[in-house]
């Protein structure tokens, strides 16, 4: 093969390379369309009303997106982490909700390690509780603490065991439950602020507090005896409150009556003495007048009480006074 033939062969190959085939153009257009579709799909994102979106560019935080439709760089250059800040979250300890609704169902199987605790008086108690919380700072929630949910769970359990360990079993089971829940909420919130978890603790609720099953019958008997003792004490106190104040009132009444009687007698005696002194003074000044006045006053007080009066003149002579005794006797029920 001479040089002329080789040139013709090379020119033919060049023409084949320069002339595009119909199939190759369609493939290129399809690839471009696919790239454009992927870019469009990865450029938009939506943030729900109860969430905020934290935009990450090559793994570094750049901005926070509010609820709504937003744009971002496509092809994974920017990605969005959504955090629910308006939703109330909860964690359960010692039990799990298997079905929620009107009649919720719970399970405690395999969770004894969370609920079994030792009280301050070296007694055992089974404590089941719920922590309700919200995400207050989404940036701290995602980037300040690694595995923030597990960390928060461990903090909650540690605080609960500390508070329960400072109290007696009777306080935890009965009157001190509200105080325990409040103290756990305060100390847990302080720990969340210290570790910068971005979590706001809303409420701690003691769902159920009981003694362990092996000692529950004995514990119930003790409680029954204590309740019976309190009942008897209350009954005795009630009877005491009824009898003692009444006796004290009666004693005080008797004392006051005696004091009043003594005061009345003394005042009367003093008045009588003063009256006799005044009368004696007047008598010494005019004996006859005073004697007559006393006589008239005495008769004025005595005569109105007599039903029948007979007045006889002591100076009457030579006459026989006749009295109608029959009429007086008949009136008084006396035979004539």
Protein backbone atom coordinates (compact mmCIF):
# COMPACT_ATOMS: atom_id res chain seq x y z
CA UNK A 1 0.00 0.00 0.00
CA UNK A 2 1.48 3.29 -1.13
CA UNK A 3 1.35 6.67 0.56
CA UNK A 4 -1.67 7.82 -1.46
CA UNK A 5 -3.80 4.99 -0.21
CA UNK A 6 -2.81 5.66 3.37
CA UNK A 7 -3.85 9.32 3.07
CA UNK A 8 -7.26 8.36 1.76
CA UNK A 9 -7.78 5.93 4.63
CA UNK A 10 -6.79 8.57 7.24
CA UNK A 11 -9.11 11.17 5.67
CA UNK A 12 -12.00 8.72 5.85
CA UNK A 13 -11.38 8.12 9.53
CA UNK A 14 -11.27 11.85 10.19
CA UNK A 15 -14.61 12.29 8.50
CA UNK A 16 -16.11 9.55 10.66
CA UNK A 17 -14.83 11.27 13.77
CA UNK A 18 -16.11 14.71 12.83
CA UNK A 19 -19.60 13.73 11.74
CA UNK A 20 -21.75 13.13 14.87
CA UNK A 21 -24.05 10.20 14.92
CA UNK A 22 -27.77 10.81 15.53
CA UNK A 23 -27.81 8.51 18.62
CA UNK A 24 -25.00 10.34 20.40
CA UNK A 25 -26.85 13.72 20.39
CA UNK A 26 -29.98 12.28 21.97
CA UNK A 27 -27.95 10.66 24.73
CA UNK A 28 -26.22 13.92 25.51
CA UNK A 29 -29.54 15.80 25.64
CA UNK A 30 -31.01 13.19 27.97
CA UNK A 31 -28.02 13.45 30.29
CA UNK A 32 -28.34 17.21 30.39
CA UNK A 33 -32.06 16.98 31.13
CA UNK A 34 -31.42 14.50 33.95
CA UNK A 35 -28.79 16.77 35.44
CA UNK A 36 -31.18 19.73 35.25
CA UNK A 37 -33.95 17.69 36.93
CA UNK A 38 -31.67 16.58 39.76
CA UNK A 39 -30.50 20.16 40.23
CA UNK A 40 -34.10 21.37 40.42
CA UNK A 41 -35.12 18.65 42.88
CA UNK A 42 -32.14 19.27 45.16
CA UNK A 43 -32.42 23.04 45.11
CA UNK A 44 -35.73 23.38 46.99
CA UNK A 45 -36.71 22.32 50.49
CA UNK A 46 -39.65 22.97 52.81
CA UNK A 47 -39.59 23.63 56.54
CA UNK A 48 -42.76 22.73 58.46
CA UNK A 49 -44.46 25.31 60.74
CA UNK A 50 -43.22 23.68 63.95
CA UNK A 51 -39.62 23.29 62.70
CA UNK A 52 -36.54 25.28 61.75
CA UNK A 53 -33.95 24.19 59.19
CA UNK A 54 -30.20 24.40 59.77
CA UNK A 55 -28.37 24.63 56.41
CA UNK A 56 -25.02 22.84 56.20
CA UNK A 57 -22.56 23.63 53.39
CA UNK A 58 -19.89 20.94 52.99
CA UNK A 59 -20.65 19.94 56.59
CA UNK A 60 -20.33 23.42 58.11
CA UNK A 61 -23.26 25.38 59.52
CA UNK A 62 -24.14 28.47 57.45
CA UNK A 63 -27.65 29.69 58.31
CA UNK A 64 -31.03 28.90 59.87
CA UNK A 65 -34.21 28.74 57.80
CA UNK A 66 -37.62 29.64 59.12
CA UNK A 67 -40.78 27.68 58.16
CA UNK A 68 -41.66 27.85 54.46
CA UNK A 69 -40.19 27.09 51.02
CA UNK A 70 -36.48 27.85 50.52
CA UNK A 71 -33.60 27.44 48.04
CA UNK A 72 -30.24 25.80 48.59
CA UNK A 73 -27.25 24.75 46.51
CA UNK A 74 -27.96 21.52 44.62
CA UNK A 75 -26.10 18.23 44.26
CA UNK A 76 -25.52 17.88 48.00
CA UNK A 77 -23.40 20.98 48.30
CA UNK A 78 -25.85 22.17 50.95
CA UNK A 79 -28.06 19.96 53.05
CA UNK A 80 -30.72 20.81 55.62
CA UNK A 81 -31.18 19.43 59.15
CA UNK A 82 -34.69 20.03 60.47
CA UNK A 83 -35.29 20.44 64.20
CA UNK A 84 -38.80 20.58 65.80
CA UNK A 85 -38.70 23.57 68.15
CA UNK A 86 -42.46 24.03 68.67
CA UNK A 87 -43.26 20.38 69.36
CA UNK A 88 -43.19 19.05 72.91
CA UNK A 89 -41.02 15.95 73.12
CA UNK A 90 -40.93 13.38 75.88
CA UNK A 91 -38.84 10.53 77.20
CA UNK A 92 -40.20 7.68 79.29
CA UNK A 93 -38.25 5.94 82.05
CA UNK A 94 -39.09 2.56 83.52
CA UNK A 95 -41.85 1.89 80.98
CA UNK A 96 -42.70 2.37 77.32
CA UNK A 97 -45.98 3.27 75.66
CA UNK A 98 -46.89 0.44 73.30
CA UNK A 99 -50.16 1.94 72.11
CA UNK A 100 -51.50 5.44 72.71
CA UNK A 101 -55.12 6.47 72.54
CA UNK A 102 -58.19 6.49 74.73
CA UNK A 103 -56.99 3.29 76.41
CA UNK A 104 -53.20 3.51 76.25
CA UNK A 105 -51.10 0.43 76.84
CA UNK A 106 -47.72 0.35 78.56
CA UNK A 107 -44.96 -2.19 78.97
CA UNK A 108 -42.27 -2.47 81.65
CA UNK A 109 -40.65 -5.66 80.42
CA UNK A 110 -36.86 -5.49 80.48
CA UNK A 111 -36.79 -1.95 81.94
CA UNK A 112 -36.19 -2.81 85.59
CA UNK A 113 -32.72 -1.31 85.45
CA UNK A 114 -34.16 2.13 84.80
CA UNK A 115 -36.85 2.09 87.49
CA UNK A 116 -35.24 0.25 90.44
CA UNK A 117 -33.73 2.80 92.83
CA UNK A 118 -32.31 2.95 96.34
CA UNK A 119 -33.75 5.53 98.74
CA UNK A 120 -31.94 7.42 101.46
CA UNK A 121 -33.05 5.01 104.20
CA UNK A 122 -31.67 2.02 102.23
CA UNK A 123 -35.04 0.85 100.92
CA UNK A 124 -35.84 -0.06 97.33
CA UNK A 125 -38.44 1.69 95.20
CA UNK A 126 -39.67 1.28 91.63
CA UNK A 127 -39.92 4.76 90.09
CA UNK A 128 -41.46 5.35 86.67
CA UNK A 129 -41.49 8.87 85.29
CA UNK A 130 -41.83 11.01 82.18
CA UNK A 131 -39.82 14.06 81.14
CA UNK A 132 -41.45 16.54 78.75
CA UNK A 133 -39.14 19.00 77.01
CA UNK A 134 -38.68 21.25 73.99
CA UNK A 135 -35.72 22.25 71.83
CA UNK A 136 -34.95 25.85 72.75
CA UNK A 137 -31.71 26.33 70.77
CA UNK A 138 -31.47 24.10 67.67
CA UNK A 139 -27.82 24.98 67.01
CA UNK A 140 -26.73 23.83 70.49
CA UNK A 141 -29.05 20.86 70.24
CA UNK A 142 -27.29 19.59 67.09
CA UNK A 143 -23.69 20.68 67.45
CA UNK A 144 -22.77 21.25 71.11
CA UNK A 145 -23.34 17.74 72.45
CA UNK A 146 -22.76 14.46 70.66
CA UNK A 147 -25.76 12.10 70.85
CA UNK A 148 -27.78 14.71 72.68
CA UNK A 149 -30.82 12.48 73.20
CA UNK A 150 -28.80 9.75 74.91
CA UNK A 151 -26.90 12.34 76.92
CA UNK A 152 -30.12 13.97 78.05
CA UNK A 153 -31.52 10.58 79.01
CA UNK A 154 -28.47 9.76 81.08
CA UNK A 155 -28.59 13.15 82.80
CA UNK A 156 -32.26 12.68 83.68
CA UNK A 157 -31.70 9.25 85.18
CA UNK A 158 -28.69 10.45 87.19
CA UNK A 159 -30.59 13.41 88.64
CA UNK A 160 -33.61 11.25 89.54
CA UNK A 161 -31.44 8.70 91.34
CA UNK A 162 -29.70 11.49 93.25
CA UNK A 163 -32.95 13.09 94.41
CA UNK A 164 -34.55 9.76 95.36
CA UNK A 165 -31.36 8.78 97.22
CA UNK A 166 -31.67 11.86 99.43
CA UNK A 167 -35.17 10.96 100.70
CA UNK A 168 -36.85 8.19 102.62
CA UNK A 169 -39.01 5.61 100.92
CA UNK A 170 -42.17 7.01 102.55
CA UNK A 171 -41.44 10.48 101.15
CA UNK A 172 -40.88 9.10 97.66
CA UNK A 173 -44.01 6.93 97.73
CA UNK A 174 -46.41 9.36 99.39
CA UNK A 175 -46.13 12.99 100.44
CA UNK A 176 -42.81 13.83 98.77
CA UNK A 177 -43.64 12.90 95.18
CA UNK A 178 -44.44 16.43 94.04
CA UNK A 179 -41.32 17.77 95.73
CA UNK A 180 -39.18 15.10 94.06
CA UNK A 181 -40.57 15.94 90.60
CA UNK A 182 -40.01 19.68 91.13
CA UNK A 183 -36.45 19.21 92.37
CA UNK A 184 -35.59 16.92 89.45
CA UNK A 185 -36.94 19.50 87.00
CA UNK A 186 -34.83 22.29 88.52
CA UNK A 187 -31.58 20.34 88.69
CA UNK A 188 -32.05 18.79 85.25
CA UNK A 189 -32.57 22.22 83.68
CA UNK A 190 -29.40 23.45 85.38
CA UNK A 191 -27.45 20.54 83.88
CA UNK A 192 -28.92 21.20 80.42
CA UNK A 193 -27.75 24.80 80.64
CA UNK A 194 -24.33 23.74 81.87
CA UNK A 195 -23.79 21.25 79.02
CA UNK A 196 -25.37 23.60 76.44
CA UNK A 197 -27.81 21.02 75.15
CA UNK A 198 -30.29 23.64 73.93
CA UNK A 199 -33.13 21.81 75.75
CA UNK A 200 -35.83 23.44 77.89
CA UNK A 201 -37.38 21.07 80.45
CA UNK A 202 -41.13 21.68 80.65
CA UNK A 203 -42.24 19.13 83.21
CA UNK A 204 -41.21 16.03 85.14
CA UNK A 205 -44.08 13.71 86.05
CA UNK A 206 -43.77 10.72 88.38
CA UNK A 207 -45.98 8.25 86.57
CA UNK A 208 -45.95 5.51 89.17
CA UNK A 209 -43.95 4.86 92.36
CA UNK A 210 -44.25 1.49 94.08
CA UNK A 211 -42.21 -0.84 96.22
CA UNK A 212 -40.65 -3.85 94.43
CA UNK A 213 -43.00 -6.76 93.81
CA UNK A 214 -41.30 -9.19 96.27
CA UNK A 215 -41.83 -6.84 99.22
CA UNK A 216 -45.10 -5.27 98.12
CA UNK A 217 -47.37 -7.40 100.44
CA UNK A 218 -45.27 -6.57 103.49
CA UNK A 219 -45.13 -2.93 102.51
CA UNK A 220 -48.91 -2.82 102.15
CA UNK A 221 -49.31 -4.33 105.62
CA UNK A 222 -47.01 -1.70 107.08
CA UNK A 223 -48.95 1.05 105.33
CA UNK A 224 -52.22 -0.39 106.60
CA UNK A 225 -50.90 -0.41 110.17
CA UNK A 226 -49.66 3.16 109.82
CA UNK A 227 -53.01 4.28 108.45
CA UNK A 228 -54.81 2.57 111.32
CA UNK A 229 -52.48 4.29 113.78
CA UNK A 230 -53.14 7.66 112.15
CA UNK A 231 -56.87 6.97 112.25
CA UNK A 232 -56.79 6.23 115.98
CA UNK A 233 -54.66 9.29 116.64
CA UNK A 234 -57.07 11.47 114.69
CA UNK A 235 -60.07 10.04 116.50
CA UNK A 236 -58.42 10.64 119.86
CA UNK A 237 -57.49 14.16 118.84
CA UNK A 238 -61.04 14.78 117.69
CA UNK A 239 -62.45 13.57 121.01
CA UNK A 240 -59.90 15.68 122.86
CA UNK A 241 -60.90 18.72 120.84
CA UNK A 242 -64.54 18.15 121.72
CA UNK A 243 -64.17 17.44 125.47
CA UNK A 244 -61.28 19.60 126.64
CA UNK A 245 -62.39 22.92 125.10
CA UNK A 246 -65.92 22.32 126.43
CA UNK A 247 -64.60 21.66 129.95
CA UNK A 248 -62.34 24.69 129.70
CA UNK A 249 -65.30 26.79 128.59
CA UNK A 250 -67.46 25.52 131.44
CA UNK A 251 -64.70 26.18 133.96
CA UNK A 252 -64.20 29.67 132.59
CA UNK A 253 -67.96 30.27 132.72
CA UNK A 254 -68.13 29.10 136.35
CA UNK A 255 -65.21 31.32 137.30
CA UNK A 256 -66.77 34.31 135.59
CA UNK A 257 -70.14 33.64 137.24
CA UNK A 258 -68.44 33.38 140.63
CA UNK A 259 -66.52 36.57 140.02
CA UNK A 260 -69.71 38.30 138.89
CA UNK A 261 -71.59 37.05 141.94
CA UNK A 262 -68.79 38.16 144.25
CA UNK A 263 -68.69 41.56 142.59
CA UNK A 264 -72.49 41.87 142.87
CA UNK A 265 -72.49 40.91 146.56
CA UNK A 266 -69.64 43.28 147.37
CA UNK A 267 -71.29 46.14 145.50
CA UNK A 268 -74.63 45.44 147.12
CA UNK A 269 -73.04 45.29 150.57
CA UNK A 270 -71.20 48.53 149.92
CA UNK A 271 -74.41 50.13 148.68
CA UNK A 272 -76.36 48.92 151.70
CA UNK A 273 -73.62 50.15 154.00
CA UNK A 274 -73.58 53.54 152.28
CA UNK A 275 -77.40 53.72 152.46
CA UNK A 276 -77.41 52.88 156.18
CA UNK A 277 -74.67 55.42 156.78
CA UNK A 278 -76.66 58.07 154.94
CA UNK A 279 -79.84 57.05 156.79
CA UNK A 280 -78.05 57.18 160.12
CA UNK A 281 -76.72 60.63 159.30
CA UNK A 282 -80.23 61.86 158.49
CA UNK A 283 -81.64 60.14 161.57
CA UNK A 284 -79.18 61.95 163.80
CA UNK A 285 -80.20 65.26 162.28
CA UNK A 286 -84.01 64.71 162.64
CA UNK A 287 -84.89 61.49 164.47
CA UNK A 288 -88.67 61.89 164.55
CA UNK A 289 -88.99 62.88 160.93
CA UNK A 290 -86.67 60.12 159.84
CA UNK A 291 -88.54 57.52 161.94
CA UNK A 292 -91.86 58.61 160.45
CA UNK A 293 -90.49 58.54 156.90
CA UNK A 294 -89.06 55.06 157.41
CA UNK A 295 -92.41 53.88 158.79
CA UNK A 296 -94.34 55.33 155.87
CA UNK A 297 -91.92 53.89 153.31
CA UNK A 298 -92.13 50.47 154.96
CA UNK A 299 -95.93 50.53 155.01
CA UNK A 300 -95.96 51.70 151.41
CA UNK A 301 -93.96 48.61 150.49
CA UNK A 302 -95.92 46.15 152.69
CA UNK A 303 -99.56 47.18 152.36
CA UNK A 304 -99.93 46.63 148.60
CA UNK A 305 -99.13 42.94 149.18
CA UNK A 306 -102.04 42.47 151.67
CA UNK A 307 -105.32 41.41 150.04
CA UNK A 308 -107.72 42.49 152.84
CA UNK A 309 -107.03 45.35 155.19
CA UNK A 310 -108.87 46.29 158.38
CA UNK A 311 -108.09 49.65 159.90
CA UNK A 312 -109.13 50.09 163.57
CA UNK A 313 -108.87 53.30 165.48
CA UNK A 314 -107.04 52.51 168.70
CA UNK A 315 -108.72 55.45 170.41
CA UNK A 316 -112.27 54.11 169.89
CA UNK A 317 -114.18 53.44 173.26
CA UNK A 318 -117.60 52.13 174.45
CA UNK A 319 -118.26 50.44 171.12
CA UNK A 320 -117.81 46.81 170.12
CA UNK A 321 -116.21 46.62 166.70
CA UNK A 322 -117.80 43.96 164.55
CA UNK A 323 -115.88 42.44 161.68
CA UNK A 324 -117.45 40.45 158.87
CA UNK A 325 -115.26 37.43 159.44
CA UNK A 326 -117.67 35.06 157.64
CA UNK A 327 -117.15 36.73 154.32
CA UNK A 328 -113.41 36.80 154.78
CA UNK A 329 -113.36 33.15 155.76
CA UNK A 330 -115.52 32.10 152.80
CA UNK A 331 -113.26 33.98 150.41
CA UNK A 332 -110.18 32.21 151.83
CA UNK A 333 -111.82 28.79 151.95
CA UNK A 334 -112.39 28.65 155.72
CA UNK A 335 -115.61 27.27 157.29
CA UNK A 336 -117.61 29.78 159.41
